[in-house]
Amino acid sequence: MAYSDFTINDIKKTFAVELIEDQALFTDVESQVPPQWLSDFLEIHLPLADAIGTEKAKSEFIVAPILSAARELLERQISLFSGIEFTVDKEQGLTGRCDYIVSRSRSQYSLSAPVLALVETKNDRINAGLGQCMAEMIAADLFNRQEENELTTIFGCVTTGDLWRFLKLQLVNGQRTIFIDTKQYFVTQVDELLGLLKSMVQ
């Protein structure tokens, strides 16, 4: 089993996770003016990514530039990894490659704890990627514990490039609880997206 094999039901059964689906995760988040290079890049490449229509195109032409811009807004306080192997516990199926991993460590040449967020790109169905993203978030929590560098909150995101949905993992009364944001964001709201991504670190 690997991250991509997990469904939401698998997550609930395997890891005894409670799901909360009726809460807005972000309130009073300050939007961030996108850098001019990002606005120019998206203006050119959004139509191209949509025309190609593959996960790879959307990942390269939409998701990666937005995450990179967020890293710059945070003055490189975070590190960003794309497509790396993230094997944490083979017996539990917490193994495989992640589209994007964000760490609060500045170390960019190798992944270091604490892992803060996981982002998965899907071609057209957000819901199809939720189980996978949840598995990666649980793996990040376990990885941080193994490295003795825990975080109280770990974020996740599943995106089609055009549409973004966020998740949050927290320990509530000693139990892992995953919140699925009631709101979805569009890439045309890139100022809000950058604000959300920045708020995860602060």
N, C-alpha and C. Protein backbone atom coordinates (compact mmCIF):
# COMPACT_ATOMS: atom_id res chain seq x y z
N MET A 1 0.85 -1.20 0.00
CA MET A 1 0.00 0.00 0.00
C MET A 1 0.88 1.24 0.00
N ALA A 2 0.39 2.30 -0.60
CA ALA A 2 1.11 3.57 -0.65
C ALA A 2 0.12 4.71 -0.43
N TYR A 3 0.64 5.92 -0.30
CA TYR A 3 -0.24 7.07 -0.05
C TYR A 3 -1.40 7.13 -1.03
N SER A 4 -1.10 6.91 -2.30
CA SER A 4 -2.12 7.07 -3.34
C SER A 4 -3.22 6.02 -3.26
N ASP A 5 -3.02 4.97 -2.47
CA ASP A 5 -4.04 3.92 -2.34
C ASP A 5 -5.08 4.23 -1.28
N PHE A 6 -4.81 5.19 -0.41
CA PHE A 6 -5.70 5.45 0.71
C PHE A 6 -6.96 6.19 0.29
N THR A 7 -8.09 5.72 0.83
CA THR A 7 -9.35 6.45 0.73
C THR A 7 -9.64 7.08 2.09
N ILE A 8 -10.64 7.92 2.14
CA ILE A 8 -11.01 8.52 3.42
C ILE A 8 -11.42 7.44 4.42
N ASN A 9 -12.16 6.44 3.97
CA ASN A 9 -12.57 5.35 4.86
C ASN A 9 -11.36 4.58 5.38
N ASP A 10 -10.36 4.37 4.53
CA ASP A 10 -9.12 3.72 4.98
C ASP A 10 -8.47 4.51 6.11
N ILE A 11 -8.44 5.81 5.95
CA ILE A 11 -7.82 6.68 6.96
C ILE A 11 -8.54 6.54 8.29
N LYS A 12 -9.86 6.58 8.25
CA LYS A 12 -10.64 6.50 9.49
C LYS A 12 -10.45 5.15 10.18
N LYS A 13 -10.41 4.08 9.40
CA LYS A 13 -10.29 2.74 9.98
C LYS A 13 -8.87 2.44 10.45
N THR A 14 -7.89 2.80 9.63
CA THR A 14 -6.50 2.43 9.92
C THR A 14 -5.90 3.26 11.04
N PHE A 15 -6.23 4.54 11.06
CA PHE A 15 -5.55 5.44 11.99
C PHE A 15 -6.48 6.03 13.05
N ALA A 16 -7.73 5.56 13.08
CA ALA A 16 -8.70 6.03 14.08
C ALA A 16 -8.76 7.56 14.12
N VAL A 17 -8.83 8.13 12.93
CA VAL A 17 -8.85 9.59 12.80
C VAL A 17 -10.30 10.08 12.82
N GLU A 18 -10.53 11.16 13.53
CA GLU A 18 -11.84 11.81 13.49
C GLU A 18 -11.81 12.88 12.40
N LEU A 19 -12.86 12.95 11.60
CA LEU A 19 -12.95 13.95 10.55
C LEU A 19 -13.98 15.02 10.92
N ILE A 20 -13.59 16.26 10.73
CA ILE A 20 -14.49 17.40 10.94
C ILE A 20 -14.65 18.10 9.59
N GLU A 21 -15.88 18.18 9.12
CA GLU A 21 -16.11 18.67 7.76
C GLU A 21 -16.93 19.95 7.70
N ASP A 22 -17.24 20.55 8.84
CA ASP A 22 -18.17 21.68 8.84
C ASP A 22 -17.57 22.96 9.39
N GLN A 23 -16.26 23.10 9.27
CA GLN A 23 -15.60 24.31 9.80
C GLN A 23 -14.77 24.99 8.72
N ALA A 24 -14.81 26.32 8.76
CA ALA A 24 -13.90 27.10 7.92
C ALA A 24 -12.55 27.15 8.63
N LEU A 25 -11.50 26.83 7.92
CA LEU A 25 -10.18 26.73 8.55
C LEU A 25 -9.47 28.07 8.65
N PHE A 26 -9.81 28.99 7.79
CA PHE A 26 -9.07 30.25 7.75
C PHE A 26 -10.04 31.42 7.86
N THR A 27 -9.86 32.22 8.90
CA THR A 27 -10.65 33.43 9.07
C THR A 27 -9.69 34.60 9.32
N ASP A 28 -10.05 35.73 8.79
CA ASP A 28 -9.26 36.95 8.98
C ASP A 28 -7.82 36.79 8.50
N VAL A 29 -7.64 36.06 7.42
CA VAL A 29 -6.31 35.92 6.83
C VAL A 29 -6.08 37.08 5.88
N GLU A 30 -4.93 37.71 6.02
CA GLU A 30 -4.60 38.87 5.19
C GLU A 30 -4.10 38.41 3.82
N SER A 31 -4.77 38.90 2.78
CA SER A 31 -4.33 38.58 1.42
C SER A 31 -2.95 39.17 1.16
N GLN A 32 -2.22 38.54 0.26
CA GLN A 32 -0.88 38.99 -0.09
C GLN A 32 -0.82 39.35 -1.57
N VAL A 33 -0.33 40.53 -1.86
CA VAL A 33 -0.20 40.95 -3.26
C VAL A 33 0.82 40.04 -3.94
N PRO A 34 0.42 39.36 -5.01
CA PRO A 34 1.37 38.47 -5.67
C PRO A 34 2.49 39.25 -6.33
N PRO A 35 3.70 38.72 -6.33
CA PRO A 35 4.79 39.40 -7.04
C PRO A 35 4.45 39.49 -8.52
N GLN A 36 4.97 40.52 -9.16
CA GLN A 36 4.63 40.76 -10.56
C GLN A 36 5.01 39.58 -11.44
N TRP A 37 6.14 38.94 -11.12
CA TRP A 37 6.56 37.81 -11.96
C TRP A 37 5.54 36.68 -11.93
N LEU A 38 4.89 36.47 -10.76
CA LEU A 38 3.90 35.41 -10.66
C LEU A 38 2.65 35.76 -11.46
N SER A 39 2.20 37.00 -11.35
CA SER A 39 1.03 37.43 -12.12
C SER A 39 1.28 37.27 -13.61
N ASP A 40 2.46 37.69 -14.05
CA ASP A 40 2.80 37.58 -15.48
C ASP A 40 2.89 36.12 -15.90
N PHE A 41 3.50 35.30 -15.06
CA PHE A 41 3.67 33.88 -15.39
C PHE A 41 2.31 33.18 -15.50
N LEU A 42 1.42 33.43 -14.53
CA LEU A 42 0.12 32.77 -14.55
C LEU A 42 -0.73 33.24 -15.72
N GLU A 43 -0.61 34.51 -16.07
CA GLU A 43 -1.38 35.02 -17.21
C GLU A 43 -1.03 34.26 -18.49
N ILE A 44 0.24 33.92 -18.63
CA ILE A 44 0.69 33.19 -19.82
C ILE A 44 0.40 31.70 -19.71
N HIS A 45 0.63 31.13 -18.52
CA HIS A 45 0.66 29.67 -18.41
C HIS A 45 -0.63 29.03 -17.91
N LEU A 46 -1.55 29.80 -17.32
CA LEU A 46 -2.83 29.21 -16.94
C LEU A 46 -3.56 28.63 -18.15
N PRO A 47 -3.71 29.39 -19.24
CA PRO A 47 -4.37 28.82 -20.42
C PRO A 47 -3.63 27.61 -20.97
N LEU A 48 -2.30 27.64 -20.91
CA LEU A 48 -1.50 26.52 -21.42
C LEU A 48 -1.74 25.27 -20.58
N ALA A 49 -1.71 25.43 -19.26
CA ALA A 49 -1.92 24.29 -18.37
C ALA A 49 -3.31 23.69 -18.57
N ASP A 50 -4.32 24.56 -18.72
CA ASP A 50 -5.68 24.08 -18.93
C ASP A 50 -5.81 23.37 -20.27
N ALA A 51 -5.12 23.88 -21.28
CA ALA A 51 -5.19 23.27 -22.61
C ALA A 51 -4.53 21.89 -22.62
N ILE A 52 -3.38 21.78 -21.96
CA ILE A 52 -2.70 20.48 -21.88
C ILE A 52 -3.53 19.51 -21.04
N GLY A 53 -4.02 20.01 -19.90
CA GLY A 53 -4.99 19.26 -19.12
C GLY A 53 -4.47 18.10 -18.30
N THR A 54 -3.15 17.98 -18.12
CA THR A 54 -2.60 16.88 -17.33
C THR A 54 -2.20 17.37 -15.94
N GLU A 55 -2.09 16.42 -15.01
CA GLU A 55 -1.63 16.77 -13.66
C GLU A 55 -0.25 17.40 -13.71
N LYS A 56 0.61 16.85 -14.53
CA LYS A 56 1.99 17.35 -14.62
C LYS A 56 2.02 18.80 -15.07
N ALA A 57 1.22 19.13 -16.09
CA ALA A 57 1.18 20.51 -16.59
C ALA A 57 0.66 21.46 -15.52
N LYS A 58 -0.39 21.06 -14.83
CA LYS A 58 -0.96 21.93 -13.81
C LYS A 58 0.00 22.09 -12.63
N SER A 59 0.69 21.00 -12.31
CA SER A 59 1.67 21.06 -11.23
C SER A 59 2.82 22.02 -11.57
N GLU A 60 3.33 21.90 -12.79
CA GLU A 60 4.50 22.70 -13.19
C GLU A 60 4.14 24.16 -13.47
N PHE A 61 3.01 24.39 -14.11
CA PHE A 61 2.69 25.73 -14.60
C PHE A 61 1.81 26.55 -13.65
N ILE A 62 1.22 25.89 -12.63
CA ILE A 62 0.34 26.62 -11.71
C ILE A 62 0.79 26.45 -10.26
N VAL A 63 0.87 25.20 -9.81
CA VAL A 63 1.10 24.94 -8.39
C VAL A 63 2.51 25.33 -7.95
N ALA A 64 3.51 24.86 -8.67
CA ALA A 64 4.90 25.14 -8.28
C ALA A 64 5.20 26.64 -8.21
N PRO A 65 4.79 27.44 -9.20
CA PRO A 65 5.07 28.88 -9.10
C PRO A 65 4.41 29.54 -7.89
N ILE A 66 3.18 29.12 -7.56
CA ILE A 66 2.49 29.71 -6.42
C ILE A 66 3.20 29.35 -5.12
N LEU A 67 3.59 28.09 -4.97
CA LEU A 67 4.32 27.68 -3.76
C LEU A 67 5.67 28.37 -3.67
N SER A 68 6.33 28.53 -4.80
CA SER A 68 7.62 29.22 -4.81
C SER A 68 7.46 30.68 -4.41
N ALA A 69 6.39 31.31 -4.89
CA ALA A 69 6.13 32.71 -4.52
C ALA A 69 5.86 32.84 -3.03
N ALA A 70 5.13 31.87 -2.47
CA ALA A 70 4.87 31.88 -1.02
C ALA A 70 6.17 31.76 -0.24
N ARG A 71 7.06 30.93 -0.72
CA ARG A 71 8.38 30.78 -0.07
C ARG A 71 9.14 32.10 -0.08
N GLU A 72 9.06 32.83 -1.18
CA GLU A 72 9.75 34.12 -1.26
C GLU A 72 9.11 35.14 -0.33
N LEU A 73 7.76 35.13 -0.26
CA LEU A 73 7.07 36.05 0.65
C LEU A 73 7.47 35.80 2.10
N LEU A 74 7.80 34.56 2.40
CA LEU A 74 8.23 34.19 3.75
C LEU A 74 9.73 34.33 3.93
N GLU A 75 10.37 34.98 2.97
CA GLU A 75 11.81 35.24 3.02
C GLU A 75 12.60 33.94 3.23
N ARG A 76 12.14 32.89 2.56
CA ARG A 76 12.81 31.58 2.55
C ARG A 76 12.95 30.98 3.95
N GLN A 77 11.95 31.25 4.80
CA GLN A 77 11.93 30.61 6.12
C GLN A 77 11.55 29.14 6.01
N ILE A 78 11.00 28.74 4.86
CA ILE A 78 10.59 27.36 4.65
C ILE A 78 11.40 26.75 3.52
N SER A 79 11.39 25.43 3.46
CA SER A 79 11.97 24.73 2.31
C SER A 79 10.84 24.03 1.56
N LEU A 80 11.04 23.85 0.27
CA LEU A 80 10.00 23.31 -0.61
C LEU A 80 10.58 22.17 -1.43
N PHE A 81 9.90 21.02 -1.39
CA PHE A 81 10.38 19.84 -2.11
C PHE A 81 9.30 19.33 -3.05
N SER A 82 9.72 18.88 -4.22
CA SER A 82 8.79 18.43 -5.24
C SER A 82 9.13 17.01 -5.69
N GLY A 83 8.14 16.11 -5.59
CA GLY A 83 8.28 14.76 -6.14
C GLY A 83 9.27 13.86 -5.44
N ILE A 84 9.58 14.14 -4.17
CA ILE A 84 10.57 13.31 -3.48
C ILE A 84 9.90 12.12 -2.78
N GLU A 85 10.68 11.08 -2.58
CA GLU A 85 10.23 9.90 -1.84
C GLU A 85 10.09 10.27 -0.37
N PHE A 86 8.95 9.88 0.23
CA PHE A 86 8.69 10.20 1.63
C PHE A 86 8.17 8.93 2.31
N THR A 87 9.08 8.02 2.58
CA THR A 87 8.72 6.75 3.21
C THR A 87 8.94 6.87 4.71
N VAL A 88 7.85 6.73 5.46
CA VAL A 88 7.90 6.92 6.91
C VAL A 88 7.62 5.62 7.65
N ASP A 89 6.64 4.84 7.19
CA ASP A 89 6.30 3.58 7.85
C ASP A 89 5.69 2.64 6.81
N LYS A 90 6.50 1.72 6.29
CA LYS A 90 6.03 0.81 5.24
C LYS A 90 4.91 -0.10 5.72
N GLU A 91 4.99 -0.54 6.97
CA GLU A 91 3.98 -1.46 7.49
C GLU A 91 2.59 -0.83 7.49
N GLN A 92 2.53 0.47 7.69
CA GLN A 92 1.23 1.15 7.71
C GLN A 92 0.87 1.74 6.34
N GLY A 93 1.72 1.51 5.35
CA GLY A 93 1.43 2.02 4.02
C GLY A 93 1.81 3.47 3.82
N LEU A 94 2.55 4.03 4.77
CA LEU A 94 2.93 5.44 4.68
C LEU A 94 4.23 5.54 3.87
N THR A 95 4.07 5.36 2.59
CA THR A 95 5.22 5.33 1.69
C THR A 95 4.81 5.83 0.32
N GLY A 96 5.77 6.38 -0.40
CA GLY A 96 5.50 6.88 -1.75
C GLY A 96 6.07 8.26 -1.96
N ARG A 97 5.79 8.78 -3.13
CA ARG A 97 6.25 10.13 -3.49
C ARG A 97 5.14 11.15 -3.24
N CYS A 98 5.54 12.32 -2.77
CA CYS A 98 4.60 13.41 -2.56
C CYS A 98 4.83 14.48 -3.63
N ASP A 99 3.75 15.05 -4.12
CA ASP A 99 3.91 16.11 -5.12
C ASP A 99 4.73 17.26 -4.55
N TYR A 100 4.30 17.75 -3.38
CA TYR A 100 5.03 18.86 -2.74
C TYR A 100 5.04 18.68 -1.23
N ILE A 101 6.18 18.92 -0.64
CA ILE A 101 6.34 18.92 0.82
C ILE A 101 6.92 20.26 1.23
N VAL A 102 6.31 20.85 2.25
CA VAL A 102 6.80 22.11 2.81
C VAL A 102 7.31 21.85 4.22
N SER A 103 8.54 22.27 4.49
CA SER A 103 9.12 22.10 5.82
C SER A 103 9.43 23.46 6.43
N ARG A 104 9.34 23.54 7.74
CA ARG A 104 9.70 24.79 8.42
C ARG A 104 11.20 24.95 8.56
N SER A 105 11.94 23.93 8.18
CA SER A 105 13.39 24.03 8.15
C SER A 105 13.82 24.81 6.91
N ARG A 106 14.88 25.57 7.03
CA ARG A 106 15.41 26.30 5.88
C ARG A 106 16.27 25.40 4.98
N SER A 107 16.62 24.22 5.46
CA SER A 107 17.51 23.33 4.72
C SER A 107 16.84 22.87 3.43
N GLN A 108 17.43 23.24 2.29
CA GLN A 108 16.81 22.96 1.00
C GLN A 108 17.43 21.76 0.29
N TYR A 109 18.57 21.28 0.74
CA TYR A 109 19.24 20.18 0.04
C TYR A 109 18.79 18.81 0.52
N SER A 110 18.16 18.74 1.68
CA SER A 110 17.59 17.48 2.16
C SER A 110 16.43 17.80 3.08
N LEU A 111 15.43 16.93 3.08
CA LEU A 111 14.23 17.17 3.88
C LEU A 111 14.54 17.01 5.37
N SER A 112 14.19 18.03 6.14
CA SER A 112 14.38 18.00 7.58
C SER A 112 13.06 18.33 8.26
N ALA A 113 12.88 17.80 9.47
CA ALA A 113 11.71 18.13 10.27
C ALA A 113 11.85 19.57 10.79
N PRO A 114 10.71 20.21 11.03
CA PRO A 114 9.37 19.64 10.97
C PRO A 114 8.69 19.88 9.61
N VAL A 115 8.05 18.84 9.11
CA VAL A 115 7.23 18.98 7.90
C VAL A 115 5.95 19.71 8.29
N LEU A 116 5.63 20.73 7.53
CA LEU A 116 4.51 21.61 7.86
C LEU A 116 3.28 21.35 7.00
N ALA A 117 3.49 21.06 5.72
CA ALA A 117 2.35 20.95 4.81
C ALA A 117 2.67 20.02 3.65
N LEU A 118 1.61 19.40 3.12
CA LEU A 118 1.70 18.53 1.95
C LEU A 118 0.71 19.02 0.92
N VAL A 119 1.11 19.06 -0.33
CA VAL A 119 0.22 19.51 -1.41
C VAL A 119 0.20 18.45 -2.50
N GLU A 120 -1.01 18.03 -2.88
CA GLU A 120 -1.19 17.05 -3.94
C GLU A 120 -1.95 17.67 -5.10
N THR A 121 -1.47 17.43 -6.31
CA THR A 121 -2.13 17.91 -7.52
C THR A 121 -2.91 16.77 -8.16
N LYS A 122 -4.17 17.05 -8.45
CA LYS A 122 -5.02 16.08 -9.13
C LYS A 122 -5.57 16.70 -10.41
N ASN A 123 -5.87 15.85 -11.37
CA ASN A 123 -6.26 16.35 -12.68
C ASN A 123 -7.59 17.07 -12.66
N ASP A 124 -8.61 16.45 -12.05
CA ASP A 124 -9.91 17.10 -12.11
C ASP A 124 -10.79 16.86 -10.89
N ARG A 125 -10.47 15.90 -10.03
CA ARG A 125 -11.35 15.58 -8.91
C ARG A 125 -10.63 15.77 -7.58
N ILE A 126 -11.00 16.86 -6.90
CA ILE A 126 -10.41 17.16 -5.59
C ILE A 126 -10.64 16.00 -4.61
N ASN A 127 -11.87 15.53 -4.53
CA ASN A 127 -12.22 14.52 -3.52
C ASN A 127 -11.41 13.24 -3.68
N ALA A 128 -11.01 12.92 -4.90
CA ALA A 128 -10.25 11.69 -5.14
C ALA A 128 -8.88 11.75 -4.48
N GLY A 129 -8.39 12.94 -4.18
CA GLY A 129 -7.07 13.07 -3.58
C GLY A 129 -7.07 13.29 -2.09
N LEU A 130 -8.24 13.38 -1.47
CA LEU A 130 -8.29 13.70 -0.05
C LEU A 130 -7.68 12.59 0.81
N GLY A 131 -8.01 11.34 0.53
CA GLY A 131 -7.45 10.23 1.31
C GLY A 131 -5.94 10.19 1.22
N GLN A 132 -5.42 10.39 0.01
CA GLN A 132 -3.97 10.40 -0.19
C GLN A 132 -3.32 11.52 0.61
N CYS A 133 -3.89 12.70 0.55
CA CYS A 133 -3.33 13.84 1.27
C CYS A 133 -3.37 13.61 2.78
N MET A 134 -4.46 13.04 3.27
CA MET A 134 -4.57 12.74 4.70
C MET A 134 -3.49 11.76 5.14
N ALA A 135 -3.25 10.73 4.32
CA ALA A 135 -2.20 9.76 4.65
C ALA A 135 -0.84 10.44 4.73
N GLU A 136 -0.58 11.36 3.83
CA GLU A 136 0.69 12.09 3.84
C GLU A 136 0.80 12.99 5.06
N MET A 137 -0.31 13.59 5.48
CA MET A 137 -0.30 14.43 6.68
C MET A 137 0.00 13.59 7.92
N ILE A 138 -0.61 12.41 8.01
CA ILE A 138 -0.34 11.52 9.14
C ILE A 138 1.12 11.08 9.13
N ALA A 139 1.64 10.80 7.94
CA ALA A 139 3.06 10.44 7.82
C ALA A 139 3.95 11.58 8.28
N ALA A 140 3.58 12.81 7.94
CA ALA A 140 4.36 13.97 8.36
C ALA A 140 4.37 14.10 9.87
N ASP A 141 3.21 13.87 10.49
CA ASP A 141 3.13 13.92 11.95
C ASP A 141 4.05 12.86 12.57
N LEU A 142 4.01 11.65 12.02
CA LEU A 142 4.87 10.57 12.53
C LEU A 142 6.34 10.89 12.29
N PHE A 143 6.67 11.41 11.12
CA PHE A 143 8.05 11.79 10.79
C PHE A 143 8.57 12.83 11.78
N ASN A 144 7.76 13.84 12.05
CA ASN A 144 8.18 14.89 12.99
C ASN A 144 8.41 14.32 14.38
N ARG A 145 7.56 13.38 14.79
CA ARG A 145 7.72 12.75 16.10
C ARG A 145 9.02 11.94 16.15
N GLN A 146 9.27 11.20 15.08
CA GLN A 146 10.50 10.40 15.02
C GLN A 146 11.74 11.28 15.11
N GLU A 147 11.64 12.47 14.53
CA GLU A 147 12.77 13.40 14.53
C GLU A 147 12.77 14.30 15.76
N GLU A 148 11.80 14.07 16.66
CA GLU A 148 11.66 14.86 17.89
C GLU A 148 11.57 16.35 17.60
N ASN A 149 10.77 16.66 16.60
CA ASN A 149 10.56 18.06 16.21
C ASN A 149 9.10 18.20 15.78
N GLU A 150 8.22 18.09 16.75
CA GLU A 150 6.78 18.01 16.47
C GLU A 150 6.16 19.38 16.23
N LEU A 151 5.07 19.36 15.48
CA LEU A 151 4.22 20.53 15.30
C LEU A 151 2.83 20.19 15.82
N THR A 152 2.13 21.18 16.34
CA THR A 152 0.77 20.93 16.82
C THR A 152 -0.22 20.89 15.68
N THR A 153 0.14 21.48 14.54
CA THR A 153 -0.75 21.52 13.38
C THR A 153 0.03 21.22 12.12
N ILE A 154 -0.54 20.36 11.28
CA ILE A 154 0.02 20.07 9.96
C ILE A 154 -1.07 20.32 8.93
N PHE A 155 -0.71 20.96 7.85
CA PHE A 155 -1.68 21.31 6.82
C PHE A 155 -1.54 20.42 5.60
N GLY A 156 -2.61 20.33 4.86
CA GLY A 156 -2.61 19.62 3.60
C GLY A 156 -3.42 20.40 2.58
N CYS A 157 -3.22 20.09 1.32
CA CYS A 157 -3.98 20.75 0.27
C CYS A 157 -4.08 19.80 -0.92
N VAL A 158 -5.27 19.74 -1.50
CA VAL A 158 -5.46 19.03 -2.76
C VAL A 158 -5.92 20.06 -3.77
N THR A 159 -5.28 20.09 -4.91
CA THR A 159 -5.59 21.11 -5.91
C THR A 159 -5.62 20.54 -7.31
N THR A 160 -6.49 21.11 -8.12
CA THR A 160 -6.48 20.80 -9.56
C THR A 160 -5.69 21.86 -10.31
N GLY A 161 -5.06 22.75 -9.57
CA GLY A 161 -4.43 23.92 -10.18
C GLY A 161 -5.41 25.08 -10.20
N ASP A 162 -6.59 24.85 -10.75
CA ASP A 162 -7.62 25.89 -10.78
C ASP A 162 -8.34 26.00 -9.44
N LEU A 163 -8.55 24.87 -8.76
CA LEU A 163 -9.32 24.82 -7.52
C LEU A 163 -8.46 24.24 -6.41
N TRP A 164 -8.53 24.86 -5.22
CA TRP A 164 -7.70 24.44 -4.09
C TRP A 164 -8.58 24.18 -2.87
N ARG A 165 -8.36 23.03 -2.20
CA ARG A 165 -9.05 22.73 -0.95
C ARG A 165 -8.02 22.36 0.11
N PHE A 166 -8.17 22.96 1.30
CA PHE A 166 -7.19 22.80 2.36
C PHE A 166 -7.70 21.88 3.48
N LEU A 167 -6.75 21.24 4.14
CA LEU A 167 -7.02 20.37 5.28
C LEU A 167 -6.08 20.74 6.42
N LYS A 168 -6.45 20.30 7.62
CA LYS A 168 -5.62 20.58 8.80
C LYS A 168 -5.68 19.37 9.72
N LEU A 169 -4.51 18.93 10.19
CA LEU A 169 -4.43 17.84 11.17
C LEU A 169 -3.99 18.42 12.50
N GLN A 170 -4.76 18.09 13.55
CA GLN A 170 -4.40 18.50 14.90
C GLN A 170 -4.68 17.36 15.87
N LEU A 171 -4.00 17.39 17.00
CA LEU A 171 -4.33 16.47 18.08
C LEU A 171 -5.38 17.13 18.95
N VAL A 172 -6.54 16.49 19.08
CA VAL A 172 -7.63 17.00 19.91
C VAL A 172 -7.93 15.96 20.97
N ASN A 173 -7.67 16.32 22.23
CA ASN A 173 -7.83 15.37 23.35
C ASN A 173 -7.06 14.07 23.10
N GLY A 174 -5.86 14.22 22.56
CA GLY A 174 -5.00 13.07 22.34
C GLY A 174 -5.31 12.27 21.09
N GLN A 175 -6.33 12.68 20.34
CA GLN A 175 -6.71 11.95 19.13
C GLN A 175 -6.43 12.80 17.90
N ARG A 176 -5.90 12.14 16.85
CA ARG A 176 -5.69 12.85 15.59
C ARG A 176 -7.04 13.25 15.00
N THR A 177 -7.17 14.51 14.70
CA THR A 177 -8.38 15.03 14.07
C THR A 177 -7.99 15.76 12.80
N ILE A 178 -8.67 15.45 11.70
CA ILE A 178 -8.41 16.13 10.44
C ILE A 178 -9.63 16.96 10.07
N PHE A 179 -9.38 18.22 9.81
CA PHE A 179 -10.43 19.16 9.41
C PHE A 179 -10.35 19.37 7.90
N ILE A 180 -11.49 19.30 7.24
CA ILE A 180 -11.57 19.61 5.81
C ILE A 180 -12.26 20.95 5.67
N ASP A 181 -11.59 21.91 5.09
CA ASP A 181 -12.13 23.26 4.96
C ASP A 181 -13.45 23.24 4.19
N THR A 182 -14.42 23.99 4.67
CA THR A 182 -15.70 24.08 3.98
C THR A 182 -15.60 24.94 2.71
N LYS A 183 -14.56 25.73 2.65
CA LYS A 183 -14.41 26.64 1.51
C LYS A 183 -13.36 26.11 0.54
N GLN A 184 -13.60 26.33 -0.74
CA GLN A 184 -12.60 26.03 -1.76
C GLN A 184 -12.17 27.35 -2.39
N TYR A 185 -10.94 27.40 -2.85
CA TYR A 185 -10.38 28.62 -3.40
C TYR A 185 -10.00 28.40 -4.87
N PHE A 186 -10.17 29.46 -5.64
CA PHE A 186 -9.83 29.40 -7.06
C PHE A 186 -8.48 30.08 -7.30
N VAL A 187 -7.79 29.63 -8.32
CA VAL A 187 -6.47 30.18 -8.61
C VAL A 187 -6.56 31.67 -8.96
N THR A 188 -7.72 32.10 -9.41
CA THR A 188 -7.91 33.53 -9.68
C THR A 188 -7.86 34.35 -8.39
N GLN A 189 -8.01 33.68 -7.24
CA GLN A 189 -7.87 34.33 -5.93
C GLN A 189 -6.45 34.13 -5.41
N VAL A 190 -5.47 34.32 -6.27
CA VAL A 190 -4.09 33.99 -5.91
C VAL A 190 -3.61 34.82 -4.72
N ASP A 191 -4.14 36.04 -4.56
CA ASP A 191 -3.77 36.84 -3.40
C ASP A 191 -4.23 36.18 -2.10
N GLU A 192 -5.42 35.57 -2.13
CA GLU A 192 -5.91 34.84 -0.95
C GLU A 192 -5.10 33.57 -0.72
N LEU A 193 -4.80 32.87 -1.79
CA LEU A 193 -4.00 31.65 -1.67
C LEU A 193 -2.65 31.94 -1.03
N LEU A 194 -2.00 32.99 -1.47
CA LEU A 194 -0.70 33.35 -0.89
C LEU A 194 -0.85 33.74 0.57
N GLY A 195 -1.94 34.42 0.91
CA GLY A 195 -2.19 34.76 2.30
C GLY A 195 -2.39 33.53 3.17
N LEU A 196 -3.12 32.55 2.65
CA LEU A 196 -3.34 31.31 3.39
C LEU A 196 -2.04 30.56 3.59
N LEU A 197 -1.27 30.43 2.52
CA LEU A 197 0.00 29.71 2.61
C LEU A 197 0.95 30.39 3.59
N LYS A 198 0.96 31.70 3.58
CA LYS A 198 1.82 32.44 4.51
C LYS A 198 1.35 32.26 5.95
N SER A 199 0.03 32.24 6.15
CA SER A 199 -0.51 32.12 7.51
C SER A 199 -0.20 30.77 8.14
N MET A 200 0.02 29.74 7.32
CA MET A 200 0.34 28.42 7.86
C MET A 200 1.65 28.42 8.63
N VAL A 201 2.54 29.30 8.26
CA VAL A 201 3.87 29.35 8.88
C VAL A 201 3.87 30.27 10.08
N GLN A 202 3.05 31.29 10.04
CA GLN A 202 3.11 32.30 11.09
C GLN A 202 2.27 31.94 12.29
